[in-house]
Amino acid sequence: MPSLASVRWPTFILFIATIVFVVLSLAL
């Protein structure tokens, strides 16, 4: 389903970006 993929991908990218941001914040 294209609609599901369209919603899932941005959410997945945002989730990864949030984790990376938190890890970098803790590292600094």
N, C-alpha and C. Protein backbone atom coordinates (compact mmCIF):
# COMPACT_ATOMS: atom_id res chain seq x y z
N MET A 1 0.84 -1.20 0.00
CA MET A 1 0.00 0.00 0.00
C MET A 1 0.88 1.25 0.00
N PRO A 2 0.83 2.04 -1.06
CA PRO A 2 1.66 3.26 -1.16
C PRO A 2 1.37 4.24 -0.03
N SER A 3 0.11 4.33 0.37
CA SER A 3 -0.26 5.29 1.42
C SER A 3 0.44 4.95 2.73
N LEU A 4 0.51 3.66 3.04
CA LEU A 4 1.15 3.21 4.28
C LEU A 4 2.64 3.52 4.23
N ALA A 5 3.26 3.26 3.09
CA ALA A 5 4.69 3.53 2.93
C ALA A 5 4.97 5.03 3.03
N SER A 6 4.08 5.82 2.45
CA SER A 6 4.26 7.27 2.46
C SER A 6 4.23 7.82 3.88
N VAL A 7 3.45 7.17 4.73
CA VAL A 7 3.34 7.63 6.12
C VAL A 7 4.46 7.05 6.97
N ARG A 8 4.84 5.80 6.69
CA ARG A 8 5.82 5.11 7.52
C ARG A 8 7.23 5.67 7.34
N TRP A 9 7.62 5.96 6.08
CA TRP A 9 9.00 6.40 5.84
C TRP A 9 9.37 7.69 6.55
N PRO A 10 8.57 8.77 6.43
CA PRO A 10 8.91 10.02 7.15
C PRO A 10 8.95 9.80 8.66
N THR A 11 8.06 8.96 9.17
CA THR A 11 8.03 8.68 10.61
C THR A 11 9.30 7.94 11.02
N PHE A 12 9.72 6.97 10.20
CA PHE A 12 10.92 6.20 10.49
C PHE A 12 12.15 7.09 10.48
N ILE A 13 12.23 7.97 9.49
CA ILE A 13 13.37 8.90 9.38
C ILE A 13 13.40 9.84 10.58
N LEU A 14 12.23 10.33 10.98
CA LEU A 14 12.15 11.24 12.12
C LEU A 14 12.56 10.51 13.40
N PHE A 15 12.16 9.24 13.52
CA PHE A 15 12.51 8.44 14.69
C PHE A 15 14.02 8.25 14.78
N ILE A 16 14.65 7.93 13.66
CA ILE A 16 16.11 7.74 13.63
C ILE A 16 16.82 9.06 13.94
N ALA A 17 16.30 10.15 13.37
CA ALA A 17 16.92 11.46 13.59
C ALA A 17 16.86 11.83 15.07
N THR A 18 15.75 11.50 15.72
CA THR A 18 15.58 11.81 17.14
C THR A 18 16.58 11.01 17.98
N ILE A 19 16.74 9.73 17.66
CA ILE A 19 17.68 8.88 18.40
C ILE A 19 19.10 9.42 18.24
N VAL A 20 19.47 9.78 17.00
CA VAL A 20 20.81 10.29 16.74
C VAL A 20 21.04 11.59 17.52
N PHE A 21 20.02 12.44 17.54
CA PHE A 21 20.14 13.72 18.25
C PHE A 21 20.34 13.48 19.75
N VAL A 22 19.60 12.56 20.32
CA VAL A 22 19.72 12.25 21.75
C VAL A 22 21.09 11.66 22.06
N VAL A 23 21.55 10.75 21.22
CA VAL A 23 22.86 10.12 21.43
C VAL A 23 23.97 11.17 21.37
N LEU A 24 23.89 12.07 20.39
CA LEU A 24 24.90 13.12 20.28
C LEU A 24 24.86 14.05 21.48
N SER A 25 23.67 14.33 21.96
CA SER A 25 23.52 15.22 23.12
C SER A 25 24.15 14.58 24.36
N LEU A 26 23.92 13.29 24.53
CA LEU A 26 24.48 12.58 25.68
C LEU A 26 26.00 12.47 25.54
N ALA A 27 26.47 12.29 24.32
CA ALA A 27 27.91 12.15 24.08
C ALA A 27 28.63 13.47 24.39
N LEU A 28 27.98 14.58 24.07
CA LEU A 28 28.60 15.88 24.34
C LEU A 28 28.41 16.25 25.80
